[in-house]
Amino acid sequence: MKKVFLIVCLSLIMAFGISAPTFAGKKICKLGHVNSPASIFQFGALAFKEAVEKELPDWTIEVYPAGQLGGTLALIQGLTLGTVDIYTEFISTFADLVPEYKVFAVHYKFDSVDEYEKFMNSATFAKMNEKMIKMNGITTIGSMRAGSVYNQFSNKPLNTVADAKGVINRVAQMAPLVQCWKAYGAKPTSMDWGEIYTSLQTGVITAIDNPILDMYDEKFHEAIKYVNMTNNIYNMISYQTSMAFWNKLTDKEKAVFKKATKVASEKGAAEVKKRLDGVIAELKKQGKEFVKTDTSGFKKAIKDNIDTILAGNKDAIAVYNIIMKKEY
């Protein structure tokens, strides 16, 4: 009897977690991310919230920054289970869920955010997204421009690829990113976002690559000396959504949510443009040395090691080749 009662209770918990909850007549959407309340992720999330609630007054978008709904892995699992409705993150974070998504974690494939956005609107990505839906119950409903080019904060200048040898660089917990840095001779280590600041302070890691604003907002600059302009990944913030949530929306609601990602993108791009020059000036004022990295050796290392970086997966390598040929 106790076992039956437990099963019933767990079933009810799952049912409430998966369904779109309501409170006082309001429909609720839980949107989470792991970045700070001062970050461009939060800025975009609030712009998204405002846009949705303006057109759908019966909805409330609850925004949970700084890992309040859990860390990266917990949020991804929440999407698959339907307990998290939207997770805003760089899509490379999902590289290990679908073989073709591994390509998002490969360095030096796009030369601008414009190229990245064009690919995200292509038939090639549409097929990849369908596979993500079938395998994991997650879909992309839009992408946000946020000055999302990766550069590196470090305690050692990276003038050329030779300088990367032995650098202990933090990477997100996905194999392709680890392999990219290994191809340069670095010593990549994976850790969750919330562990980075202390690890930089204590010397557990000596470098991290991410967009400059993201790293500045997290105060990572306080523990480094150099800003290396590696431009190794061009990216956008992806609005990843649980199909358990998405399938419950009406066509009108889906259209509003998708439109809201575009509003967030426009406002996010404008905010980055307004802030970035000031942040760079502030970093220079603090004595951080900016290094214009020669990226030619890095790019060669990626091309020479792409089979290893993508673990020999033919589907992922095929997508990589499409991107490099700009045939998407």
C-alpha atoms as a PDB file:
ATOM      1  CA  MET A   1       0.000   0.000   0.000  1.00  0.00           C
ATOM      2  CA  LYS A   2       2.829   2.410   0.911  1.00  0.00           C
ATOM      3  CA  LYS A   3       4.503   1.695  -2.451  1.00  0.00           C
ATOM      4  CA  VAL A   4       1.281   2.444  -4.345  1.00  0.00           C
ATOM      5  CA  PHE A   5       0.812   5.674  -2.387  1.00  0.00           C
ATOM      6  CA  LEU A   6       4.406   6.743  -3.205  1.00  0.00           C
ATOM      7  CA  ILE A   7       3.905   6.069  -6.911  1.00  0.00           C
ATOM      8  CA  VAL A   8       0.696   8.115  -6.925  1.00  0.00           C
ATOM      9  CA  CYS A   9       2.443  11.017  -5.165  1.00  0.00           C
ATOM     10  CA  LEU A  10       5.377  10.962  -7.587  1.00  0.00           C
ATOM     11  CA  SER A  11       2.990  10.868 -10.529  1.00  0.00           C
ATOM     12  CA  LEU A  12       1.173  13.935  -9.215  1.00  0.00           C
ATOM     13  CA  ILE A  13       4.471  15.776  -8.714  1.00  0.00           C
ATOM     14  CA  MET A  14       5.558  15.002 -12.271  1.00  0.00           C
ATOM     15  CA  ALA A  15       2.169  16.025 -13.620  1.00  0.00           C
ATOM     16  CA  PHE A  16       2.347  19.412 -11.895  1.00  0.00           C
ATOM     17  CA  GLY A  17       5.966  19.877 -13.019  1.00  0.00           C
ATOM     18  CA  ILE A  18       5.266  19.103 -16.669  1.00  0.00           C
ATOM     19  CA  SER A  19       2.008  20.987 -17.112  1.00  0.00           C
ATOM     20  CA  ALA A  20       2.011  24.752 -17.604  1.00  0.00           C
ATOM     21  CA  PRO A  21       1.028  25.890 -14.079  1.00  0.00           C
ATOM     22  CA  THR A  22      -1.442  28.652 -13.395  1.00  0.00           C
ATOM     23  CA  PHE A  23      -1.802  30.952 -10.424  1.00  0.00           C
ATOM     24  CA  ALA A  24      -4.755  33.274  -9.897  1.00  0.00           C
ATOM     25  CA  GLY A  25      -5.741  32.828 -13.528  1.00  0.00           C
ATOM     26  CA  LYS A  26      -2.203  33.400 -14.843  1.00  0.00           C
ATOM     27  CA  LYS A  27      -0.287  30.944 -17.002  1.00  0.00           C
ATOM     28  CA  ILE A  28       3.322  30.521 -15.868  1.00  0.00           C
ATOM     29  CA  CYS A  29       6.503  30.040 -17.897  1.00  0.00           C
ATOM     30  CA  LYS A  30       9.718  29.283 -15.980  1.00  0.00           C
ATOM     31  CA  LEU A  31      12.785  30.707 -17.742  1.00  0.00           C
ATOM     32  CA  GLY A  32      16.190  29.972 -16.259  1.00  0.00           C
ATOM     33  CA  HIS A  33      19.848  30.658 -16.966  1.00  0.00           C
ATOM     34  CA  VAL A  34      23.128  30.283 -15.065  1.00  0.00           C
ATOM     35  CA  ASN A  35      24.478  33.808 -15.530  1.00  0.00           C
ATOM     36  CA  SER A  36      24.354  36.696 -13.060  1.00  0.00           C
ATOM     37  CA  PRO A  37      21.461  39.157 -12.692  1.00  0.00           C
ATOM     38  CA  ALA A  38      23.811  41.785 -14.173  1.00  0.00           C
ATOM     39  CA  SER A  39      24.464  39.774 -17.349  1.00  0.00           C
ATOM     40  CA  ILE A  40      23.197  40.235 -20.912  1.00  0.00           C
ATOM     41  CA  PHE A  41      21.423  36.887 -20.428  1.00  0.00           C
ATOM     42  CA  GLN A  42      19.275  38.501 -17.734  1.00  0.00           C
ATOM     43  CA  PHE A  43      18.802  41.669 -19.790  1.00  0.00           C
ATOM     44  CA  GLY A  44      17.503  39.575 -22.683  1.00  0.00           C
ATOM     45  CA  ALA A  45      15.327  37.425 -20.433  1.00  0.00           C
ATOM     46  CA  LEU A  46      13.630  40.523 -19.000  1.00  0.00           C
ATOM     47  CA  ALA A  47      13.108  41.943 -22.510  1.00  0.00           C
ATOM     48  CA  PHE A  48      11.581  38.597 -23.518  1.00  0.00           C
ATOM     49  CA  LYS A  49       9.357  38.646 -20.422  1.00  0.00           C
ATOM     50  CA  GLU A  50       8.142  42.169 -21.159  1.00  0.00           C
ATOM     51  CA  ALA A  51       7.392  41.354 -24.807  1.00  0.00           C
ATOM     52  CA  VAL A  52       5.392  38.219 -23.987  1.00  0.00           C
ATOM     53  CA  GLU A  53       3.411  39.723 -21.110  1.00  0.00           C
ATOM     54  CA  LYS A  54       2.558  42.802 -23.195  1.00  0.00           C
ATOM     55  CA  GLU A  55       0.821  40.705 -25.847  1.00  0.00           C
ATOM     56  CA  LEU A  56      -0.381  37.887 -23.587  1.00  0.00           C
ATOM     57  CA  PRO A  57      -1.629  39.512 -20.360  1.00  0.00           C
ATOM     58  CA  ASP A  58      -2.800  36.131 -19.056  1.00  0.00           C
ATOM     59  CA  TRP A  59       0.853  34.954 -18.924  1.00  0.00           C
ATOM     60  CA  THR A  60       3.628  35.527 -16.396  1.00  0.00           C
ATOM     61  CA  ILE A  61       7.236  34.788 -17.349  1.00  0.00           C
ATOM     62  CA  GLU A  62       9.151  33.900 -14.194  1.00  0.00           C
ATOM     63  CA  VAL A  63      12.877  34.595 -14.700  1.00  0.00           C
ATOM     64  CA  TYR A  64      15.410  32.659 -12.604  1.00  0.00           C
ATOM     65  CA  PRO A  65      19.033  33.853 -13.057  1.00  0.00           C
ATOM     66  CA  ALA A  66      22.290  32.622 -11.499  1.00  0.00           C
ATOM     67  CA  GLY A  67      21.378  28.932 -11.538  1.00  0.00           C
ATOM     68  CA  GLN A  68      18.343  29.335  -9.275  1.00  0.00           C
ATOM     69  CA  LEU A  69      16.712  26.437 -11.144  1.00  0.00           C
ATOM     70  CA  GLY A  70      19.971  24.469 -11.074  1.00  0.00           C
ATOM     71  CA  GLY A  71      23.286  24.386 -12.916  1.00  0.00           C
ATOM     72  CA  THR A  72      23.802  23.684 -16.594  1.00  0.00           C
ATOM     73  CA  LEU A  73      23.222  19.935 -16.441  1.00  0.00           C
ATOM     74  CA  ALA A  74      20.199  20.310 -14.162  1.00  0.00           C
ATOM     75  CA  LEU A  75      18.628  22.859 -16.508  1.00  0.00           C
ATOM     76  CA  ILE A  76      19.155  20.628 -19.538  1.00  0.00           C
ATOM     77  CA  GLN A  77      17.608  17.714 -17.663  1.00  0.00           C
ATOM     78  CA  GLY A  78      14.743  20.002 -16.638  1.00  0.00           C
ATOM     79  CA  LEU A  79      14.041  20.744 -20.301  1.00  0.00           C
ATOM     80  CA  THR A  80      13.954  17.046 -21.179  1.00  0.00           C
ATOM     81  CA  LEU A  81      11.662  16.276 -18.233  1.00  0.00           C
ATOM     82  CA  GLY A  82       9.465  19.320 -18.761  1.00  0.00           C
ATOM     83  CA  THR A  83      10.157  20.860 -15.334  1.00  0.00           C
ATOM     84  CA  VAL A  84      12.004  23.814 -16.917  1.00  0.00           C
ATOM     85  CA  ASP A  85      10.158  25.622 -19.705  1.00  0.00           C
ATOM     86  CA  ILE A  86      12.935  27.755 -21.279  1.00  0.00           C
ATOM     87  CA  TYR A  87      16.692  27.737 -20.731  1.00  0.00           C
ATOM     88  CA  THR A  88      18.677  30.546 -22.362  1.00  0.00           C
ATOM     89  CA  GLU A  89      22.221  29.504 -23.164  1.00  0.00           C
ATOM     90  CA  PHE A  90      24.798  29.262 -25.933  1.00  0.00           C
ATOM     91  CA  ILE A  91      23.663  26.325 -28.035  1.00  0.00           C
ATOM     92  CA  SER A  92      27.133  24.751 -27.879  1.00  0.00           C
ATOM     93  CA  THR A  93      26.159  23.752 -24.331  1.00  0.00           C
ATOM     94  CA  PHE A  94      23.874  21.130 -25.901  1.00  0.00           C
ATOM     95  CA  ALA A  95      26.665  19.586 -27.977  1.00  0.00           C
ATOM     96  CA  ASP A  96      26.554  16.185 -26.307  1.00  0.00           C
ATOM     97  CA  LEU A  97      22.803  15.644 -26.801  1.00  0.00           C
ATOM     98  CA  VAL A  98      22.772  15.228 -30.606  1.00  0.00           C
ATOM     99  CA  PRO A  99      25.845  14.251 -32.684  1.00  0.00           C
ATOM    100  CA  GLU A 100      25.419  17.119 -35.172  1.00  0.00           C
ATOM    101  CA  TYR A 101      25.230  19.676 -32.350  1.00  0.00           C
ATOM    102  CA  LYS A 102      28.866  18.929 -31.543  1.00  0.00           C
ATOM    103  CA  VAL A 103      29.762  21.284 -34.381  1.00  0.00           C
ATOM    104  CA  PHE A 104      28.516  24.255 -32.312  1.00  0.00           C
ATOM    105  CA  ALA A 105      31.378  23.639 -29.872  1.00  0.00           C
ATOM    106  CA  VAL A 106      34.047  23.720 -32.600  1.00  0.00           C
ATOM    107  CA  HIS A 107      36.225  26.823 -32.780  1.00  0.00           C
ATOM    108  CA  TYR A 108      36.718  28.949 -35.911  1.00  0.00           C
ATOM    109  CA  LYS A 109      33.758  27.810 -38.034  1.00  0.00           C
ATOM    110  CA  PHE A 110      31.960  31.165 -38.418  1.00  0.00           C
ATOM    111  CA  ASP A 111      33.618  34.522 -39.083  1.00  0.00           C
ATOM    112  CA  SER A 112      30.806  36.683 -37.710  1.00  0.00           C
ATOM    113  CA  VAL A 113      27.511  36.607 -35.822  1.00  0.00           C
ATOM    114  CA  ASP A 114      25.816  37.344 -39.173  1.00  0.00           C
ATOM    115  CA  GLU A 115      27.109  34.014 -40.512  1.00  0.00           C
ATOM    116  CA  TYR A 116      25.962  32.246 -37.361  1.00  0.00           C
ATOM    117  CA  GLU A 117      22.469  33.729 -37.626  1.00  0.00           C
ATOM    118  CA  LYS A 118      22.239  32.767 -41.299  1.00  0.00           C
ATOM    119  CA  PHE A 119      23.073  29.179 -40.387  1.00  0.00           C
ATOM    120  CA  MET A 120      20.455  29.142 -37.606  1.00  0.00           C
ATOM    121  CA  ASN A 121      17.829  30.098 -40.204  1.00  0.00           C
ATOM    122  CA  SER A 122      18.979  27.432 -42.674  1.00  0.00           C
ATOM    123  CA  ALA A 123      17.431  24.119 -43.741  1.00  0.00           C
ATOM    124  CA  THR A 124      20.516  22.383 -42.351  1.00  0.00           C
ATOM    125  CA  PHE A 125      19.831  23.609 -38.827  1.00  0.00           C
ATOM    126  CA  ALA A 126      16.085  22.923 -39.172  1.00  0.00           C
ATOM    127  CA  LYS A 127      16.922  19.235 -39.699  1.00  0.00           C
ATOM    128  CA  MET A 128      19.249  19.282 -36.695  1.00  0.00           C
ATOM    129  CA  ASN A 129      16.540  20.856 -34.544  1.00  0.00           C
ATOM    130  CA  GLU A 130      14.047  18.162 -35.583  1.00  0.00           C
ATOM    131  CA  LYS A 131      16.535  15.541 -34.458  1.00  0.00           C
ATOM    132  CA  MET A 132      16.949  17.328 -31.108  1.00  0.00           C
ATOM    133  CA  ILE A 133      13.177  17.281 -30.651  1.00  0.00           C
ATOM    134  CA  LYS A 134      12.949  13.552 -31.369  1.00  0.00           C
ATOM    135  CA  MET A 135      15.912  12.574 -29.222  1.00  0.00           C
ATOM    136  CA  ASN A 136      15.547  14.945 -26.257  1.00  0.00           C
ATOM    137  CA  GLY A 137      12.229  16.778 -26.379  1.00  0.00           C
ATOM    138  CA  ILE A 138      13.962  20.169 -26.738  1.00  0.00           C
ATOM    139  CA  THR A 139      13.516  22.769 -29.485  1.00  0.00           C
ATOM    140  CA  THR A 140      15.060  26.132 -30.381  1.00  0.00           C
ATOM    141  CA  ILE A 141      12.455  28.903 -30.680  1.00  0.00           C
ATOM    142  CA  GLY A 142      14.862  31.754 -31.355  1.00  0.00           C
ATOM    143  CA  SER A 143      18.334  33.209 -30.878  1.00  0.00           C
ATOM    144  CA  MET A 144      19.469  36.453 -29.293  1.00  0.00           C
ATOM    145  CA  ARG A 145      22.292  38.648 -30.539  1.00  0.00           C
ATOM    146  CA  ALA A 146      24.461  39.599 -27.619  1.00  0.00           C
ATOM    147  CA  GLY A 147      27.916  40.486 -28.918  1.00  0.00           C
ATOM    148  CA  SER A 148      28.606  36.812 -28.566  1.00  0.00           C
ATOM    149  CA  VAL A 149      32.165  36.378 -29.774  1.00  0.00           C
ATOM    150  CA  TYR A 150      34.444  34.397 -27.477  1.00  0.00           C
ATOM    151  CA  ASN A 151      37.748  35.884 -26.365  1.00  0.00           C
ATOM    152  CA  GLN A 152      40.006  34.827 -23.521  1.00  0.00           C
ATOM    153  CA  PHE A 153      40.789  36.207 -20.081  1.00  0.00           C
ATOM    154  CA  SER A 154      44.092  34.783 -18.819  1.00  0.00           C
ATOM    155  CA  ASN A 155      47.224  35.273 -16.766  1.00  0.00           C
ATOM    156  CA  LYS A 156      49.429  34.615 -19.790  1.00  0.00           C
ATOM    157  CA  PRO A 157      49.423  36.433 -23.155  1.00  0.00           C
ATOM    158  CA  LEU A 158      48.366  34.381 -26.182  1.00  0.00           C
ATOM    159  CA  ASN A 159      50.205  35.934 -29.081  1.00  0.00           C
ATOM    160  CA  THR A 160      50.230  32.739 -31.145  1.00  0.00           C
ATOM    161  CA  VAL A 161      49.028  29.148 -30.769  1.00  0.00           C
ATOM    162  CA  ALA A 162      52.404  28.237 -29.266  1.00  0.00           C
ATOM    163  CA  ASP A 163      51.516  30.338 -26.200  1.00  0.00           C
ATOM    164  CA  ALA A 164      48.499  28.120 -25.491  1.00  0.00           C
ATOM    165  CA  LYS A 165      50.701  25.203 -24.522  1.00  0.00           C
ATOM    166  CA  GLY A 166      50.165  24.300 -20.895  1.00  0.00           C
ATOM    167  CA  VAL A 167      47.445  26.924 -20.288  1.00  0.00           C
ATOM    168  CA  ILE A 168      44.841  25.586 -17.849  1.00  0.00           C
ATOM    169  CA  ASN A 169      41.729  26.827 -19.586  1.00  0.00           C
ATOM    170  CA  ARG A 170      38.212  26.360 -18.218  1.00  0.00           C
ATOM    171  CA  VAL A 171      35.804  24.961 -20.786  1.00  0.00           C
ATOM    172  CA  ALA A 172      32.158  23.981 -20.519  1.00  0.00           C
ATOM    173  CA  GLN A 173      31.438  20.320 -19.899  1.00  0.00           C
ATOM    174  CA  MET A 174      31.392  19.084 -23.501  1.00  0.00           C
ATOM    175  CA  ALA A 175      33.910  16.976 -25.374  1.00  0.00           C
ATOM    176  CA  PRO A 176      34.434  19.092 -28.549  1.00  0.00           C
ATOM    177  CA  LEU A 177      35.452  22.185 -26.575  1.00  0.00           C
ATOM    178  CA  VAL A 178      37.911  20.127 -24.559  1.00  0.00           C
ATOM    179  CA  GLN A 179      39.392  18.664 -27.741  1.00  0.00           C
ATOM    180  CA  CYS A 180      39.739  22.101 -29.373  1.00  0.00           C
ATOM    181  CA  TRP A 181      41.932  23.313 -26.533  1.00  0.00           C
ATOM    182  CA  LYS A 182      43.885  20.065 -26.481  1.00  0.00           C
ATOM    183  CA  ALA A 183      44.618  20.612 -30.175  1.00  0.00           C
ATOM    184  CA  TYR A 184      46.375  23.859 -29.153  1.00  0.00           C
ATOM    185  CA  GLY A 185      48.446  22.092 -26.499  1.00  0.00           C
ATOM    186  CA  ALA A 186      46.467  23.582 -23.593  1.00  0.00           C
ATOM    187  CA  LYS A 187      45.239  21.734 -20.513  1.00  0.00           C
ATOM    188  CA  PRO A 188      41.461  22.265 -20.598  1.00  0.00           C
ATOM    189  CA  THR A 189      39.387  21.504 -17.543  1.00  0.00           C
ATOM    190  CA  SER A 190      35.595  21.372 -17.280  1.00  0.00           C
ATOM    191  CA  MET A 191      33.691  22.973 -14.443  1.00  0.00           C
ATOM    192  CA  ASP A 192      30.293  24.538 -13.882  1.00  0.00           C
ATOM    193  CA  TRP A 193      29.851  28.302 -14.340  1.00  0.00           C
ATOM    194  CA  GLY A 194      29.473  28.979 -10.644  1.00  0.00           C
ATOM    195  CA  GLU A 195      32.904  27.527  -9.839  1.00  0.00           C
ATOM    196  CA  ILE A 196      34.935  29.719 -12.183  1.00  0.00           C
ATOM    197  CA  TYR A 197      35.506  32.867 -10.112  1.00  0.00           C
ATOM    198  CA  THR A 198      37.015  31.054  -7.143  1.00  0.00           C
ATOM    199  CA  SER A 199      39.037  28.767  -9.421  1.00  0.00           C
ATOM    200  CA  LEU A 200      40.621  31.773 -11.151  1.00  0.00           C
ATOM    201  CA  GLN A 201      41.414  33.381  -7.798  1.00  0.00           C
ATOM    202  CA  THR A 202      43.063  30.241  -6.424  1.00  0.00           C
ATOM    203  CA  GLY A 203      44.933  29.311  -9.613  1.00  0.00           C
ATOM    204  CA  VAL A 204      43.028  26.072 -10.218  1.00  0.00           C
ATOM    205  CA  ILE A 205      42.537  27.505 -13.703  1.00  0.00           C
ATOM    206  CA  THR A 206      44.563  30.264 -15.378  1.00  0.00           C
ATOM    207  CA  ALA A 207      42.233  31.194 -18.242  1.00  0.00           C
ATOM    208  CA  ILE A 208      38.649  31.203 -19.491  1.00  0.00           C
ATOM    209  CA  ASP A 209      37.127  32.026 -22.872  1.00  0.00           C
ATOM    210  CA  ASN A 210      33.665  33.588 -23.251  1.00  0.00           C
ATOM    211  CA  PRO A 211      32.227  36.898 -24.501  1.00  0.00           C
ATOM    212  CA  ILE A 212      33.959  39.826 -22.794  1.00  0.00           C
ATOM    213  CA  LEU A 213      30.767  41.265 -21.301  1.00  0.00           C
ATOM    214  CA  ASP A 214      29.746  37.916 -19.813  1.00  0.00           C
ATOM    215  CA  MET A 215      33.144  37.510 -18.158  1.00  0.00           C
ATOM    216  CA  TYR A 216      33.201  41.125 -16.970  1.00  0.00           C
ATOM    217  CA  ASP A 217      29.718  40.906 -15.449  1.00  0.00           C
ATOM    218  CA  GLU A 218      30.834  37.824 -13.513  1.00  0.00           C
ATOM    219  CA  LYS A 219      33.907  39.794 -12.306  1.00  0.00           C
ATOM    220  CA  PHE A 220      36.333  37.241 -13.771  1.00  0.00           C
ATOM    221  CA  HIS A 221      38.564  40.153 -14.805  1.00  0.00           C
ATOM    222  CA  GLU A 222      39.505  40.691 -11.164  1.00  0.00           C
ATOM    223  CA  ALA A 223      41.717  37.597 -11.254  1.00  0.00           C
ATOM    224  CA  ILE A 224      43.459  37.955 -14.664  1.00  0.00           C
ATOM    225  CA  LYS A 225      46.033  40.147 -16.404  1.00  0.00           C
ATOM    226  CA  TYR A 226      45.393  39.672 -20.142  1.00  0.00           C
ATOM    227  CA  VAL A 227      42.484  39.885 -22.564  1.00  0.00           C
ATOM    228  CA  ASN A 228      43.426  37.809 -25.589  1.00  0.00           C
ATOM    229  CA  MET A 229      41.412  38.650 -28.707  1.00  0.00           C
ATOM    230  CA  THR A 230      41.159  35.074 -29.971  1.00  0.00           C
ATOM    231  CA  ASN A 231      37.695  35.390 -31.571  1.00  0.00           C
ATOM    232  CA  ASN A 232      37.441  31.604 -31.375  1.00  0.00           C
ATOM    233  CA  ILE A 233      33.647  31.227 -31.335  1.00  0.00           C
ATOM    234  CA  TYR A 234      30.888  33.402 -32.773  1.00  0.00           C
ATOM    235  CA  ASN A 235      27.622  32.595 -31.091  1.00  0.00           C
ATOM    236  CA  MET A 236      24.154  33.774 -30.101  1.00  0.00           C
ATOM    237  CA  ILE A 237      22.131  33.114 -26.959  1.00  0.00           C
ATOM    238  CA  SER A 238      19.699  30.342 -27.813  1.00  0.00           C
ATOM    239  CA  TYR A 239      16.196  30.088 -26.354  1.00  0.00           C
ATOM    240  CA  GLN A 240      15.911  26.347 -25.799  1.00  0.00           C
ATOM    241  CA  THR A 241      12.404  25.220 -24.926  1.00  0.00           C
ATOM    242  CA  SER A 242      10.897  22.028 -23.545  1.00  0.00           C
ATOM    243  CA  MET A 243       8.525  20.344 -25.993  1.00  0.00           C
ATOM    244  CA  ALA A 244       6.412  19.317 -22.999  1.00  0.00           C
ATOM    245  CA  PHE A 245       5.800  23.040 -22.486  1.00  0.00           C
ATOM    246  CA  TRP A 246       5.767  24.110 -26.143  1.00  0.00           C
ATOM    247  CA  ASN A 247       3.150  21.575 -27.225  1.00  0.00           C
ATOM    248  CA  LYS A 248       0.659  23.023 -24.721  1.00  0.00           C
ATOM    249  CA  LEU A 249       0.737  26.485 -26.316  1.00  0.00           C
ATOM    250  CA  THR A 250      -1.756  27.742 -28.874  1.00  0.00           C
ATOM    251  CA  ASP A 251      -0.519  28.857 -32.298  1.00  0.00           C
ATOM    252  CA  LYS A 252      -0.987  32.478 -31.207  1.00  0.00           C
ATOM    253  CA  GLU A 253       1.052  31.928 -28.039  1.00  0.00           C
ATOM    254  CA  LYS A 254       3.841  30.220 -29.995  1.00  0.00           C
ATOM    255  CA  ALA A 255       3.988  33.151 -32.407  1.00  0.00           C
ATOM    256  CA  VAL A 256       4.208  35.635 -29.516  1.00  0.00           C
ATOM    257  CA  PHE A 257       6.993  33.660 -27.810  1.00  0.00           C
ATOM    258  CA  LYS A 258       9.005  33.483 -31.044  1.00  0.00           C
ATOM    259  CA  LYS A 259       8.477  37.192 -31.690  1.00  0.00           C
ATOM    260  CA  ALA A 260       9.654  37.919 -28.142  1.00  0.00           C
ATOM    261  CA  THR A 261      13.034  36.266 -28.858  1.00  0.00           C
ATOM    262  CA  LYS A 262      13.491  38.720 -31.740  1.00  0.00           C
ATOM    263  CA  VAL A 263      12.630  41.639 -29.455  1.00  0.00           C
ATOM    264  CA  ALA A 264      15.180  40.350 -26.932  1.00  0.00           C
ATOM    265  CA  SER A 265      17.751  40.029 -29.724  1.00  0.00           C
ATOM    266  CA  GLU A 266      17.266  43.602 -30.944  1.00  0.00           C
ATOM    267  CA  LYS A 267      17.382  45.064 -27.436  1.00  0.00           C
ATOM    268  CA  GLY A 268      20.303  42.817 -26.435  1.00  0.00           C
ATOM    269  CA  ALA A 269      22.372  43.864 -29.450  1.00  0.00           C
ATOM    270  CA  ALA A 270      21.720  47.522 -28.677  1.00  0.00           C
ATOM    271  CA  GLU A 271      22.674  47.035 -25.015  1.00  0.00           C
ATOM    272  CA  VAL A 272      25.948  45.321 -25.942  1.00  0.00           C
ATOM    273  CA  LYS A 273      26.789  48.087 -28.406  1.00  0.00           C
ATOM    274  CA  LYS A 274      26.141  50.641 -25.673  1.00  0.00           C
ATOM    275  CA  ARG A 275      28.196  48.861 -22.995  1.00  0.00           C
ATOM    276  CA  LEU A 276      31.072  47.038 -24.674  1.00  0.00           C
ATOM    277  CA  ASP A 277      33.326  49.993 -25.519  1.00  0.00           C
ATOM    278  CA  GLY A 278      32.948  51.283 -21.980  1.00  0.00           C
ATOM    279  CA  VAL A 279      33.829  47.908 -20.467  1.00  0.00           C
ATOM    280  CA  ILE A 280      36.916  47.583 -22.680  1.00  0.00           C
ATOM    281  CA  ALA A 281      37.992  51.095 -21.671  1.00  0.00           C
ATOM    282  CA  GLU A 282      37.477  50.202 -17.997  1.00  0.00           C
ATOM    283  CA  LEU A 283      39.545  47.005 -18.334  1.00  0.00           C
ATOM    284  CA  LYS A 284      42.387  48.958 -19.931  1.00  0.00           C
ATOM    285  CA  LYS A 285      42.140  51.556 -17.181  1.00  0.00           C
ATOM    286  CA  GLN A 286      42.549  48.746 -14.643  1.00  0.00           C
ATOM    287  CA  GLY A 287      45.771  47.715 -16.383  1.00  0.00           C
ATOM    288  CA  LYS A 288      44.518  44.690 -18.292  1.00  0.00           C
ATOM    289  CA  GLU A 289      46.651  44.179 -21.373  1.00  0.00           C
ATOM    290  CA  PHE A 290      44.787  43.506 -24.630  1.00  0.00           C
ATOM    291  CA  VAL A 291      46.540  41.082 -26.972  1.00  0.00           C
ATOM    292  CA  LYS A 292      45.710  40.895 -30.682  1.00  0.00           C
ATOM    293  CA  THR A 293      46.187  37.151 -31.058  1.00  0.00           C
ATOM    294  CA  ASP A 294      47.455  35.709 -34.339  1.00  0.00           C
ATOM    295  CA  THR A 295      44.702  33.133 -34.904  1.00  0.00           C
ATOM    296  CA  SER A 296      46.194  31.414 -37.975  1.00  0.00           C
ATOM    297  CA  GLY A 297      47.857  28.650 -35.972  1.00  0.00           C
ATOM    298  CA  PHE A 298      44.685  28.057 -33.957  1.00  0.00           C
ATOM    299  CA  LYS A 299      42.607  27.700 -37.125  1.00  0.00           C
ATOM    300  CA  LYS A 300      45.099  25.257 -38.628  1.00  0.00           C
ATOM    301  CA  ALA A 301      45.066  23.143 -35.451  1.00  0.00           C
ATOM    302  CA  ILE A 302      41.260  22.850 -35.655  1.00  0.00           C
ATOM    303  CA  LYS A 303      41.251  21.795 -39.316  1.00  0.00           C
ATOM    304  CA  ASP A 304      44.072  19.313 -38.772  1.00  0.00           C
ATOM    305  CA  ASN A 305      42.327  17.704 -35.809  1.00  0.00           C
ATOM    306  CA  ILE A 306      38.639  17.935 -36.745  1.00  0.00           C
ATOM    307  CA  ASP A 307      38.132  14.155 -36.799  1.00  0.00           C
ATOM    308  CA  THR A 308      39.367  13.902 -33.216  1.00  0.00           C
ATOM    309  CA  ILE A 309      37.480  17.008 -32.105  1.00  0.00           C
ATOM    310  CA  LEU A 310      34.216  15.571 -33.431  1.00  0.00           C
ATOM    311  CA  ALA A 311      35.036  12.033 -32.262  1.00  0.00           C
ATOM    312  CA  GLY A 312      34.938  10.720 -35.817  1.00  0.00           C
ATOM    313  CA  ASN A 313      31.180  11.236 -36.057  1.00  0.00           C
ATOM    314  CA  LYS A 314      30.327  11.340 -39.757  1.00  0.00           C
ATOM    315  CA  ASP A 315      27.108  13.349 -39.308  1.00  0.00           C
ATOM    316  CA  ALA A 316      28.843  16.039 -37.250  1.00  0.00           C
ATOM    317  CA  ILE A 317      31.799  16.202 -39.643  1.00  0.00           C
ATOM    318  CA  ALA A 318      29.382  16.541 -42.575  1.00  0.00           C
ATOM    319  CA  VAL A 319      27.720  19.572 -40.933  1.00  0.00           C
ATOM    320  CA  TYR A 320      31.142  21.070 -40.167  1.00  0.00           C
ATOM    321  CA  ASN A 321      32.133  20.741 -43.827  1.00  0.00           C
ATOM    322  CA  ILE A 322      28.856  22.364 -44.937  1.00  0.00           C
ATOM    323  CA  ILE A 323      29.585  25.316 -42.651  1.00  0.00           C
ATOM    324  CA  MET A 324      33.187  25.673 -43.779  1.00  0.00           C
ATOM    325  CA  LYS A 325      32.073  25.677 -47.407  1.00  0.00           C
ATOM    326  CA  LYS A 326      29.252  28.099 -46.540  1.00  0.00           C
ATOM    327  CA  GLU A 327      26.766  25.859 -48.324  1.00  0.00           C
ATOM    328  CA  TYR A 328      24.045  25.988 -45.690  1.00  0.00           C
END
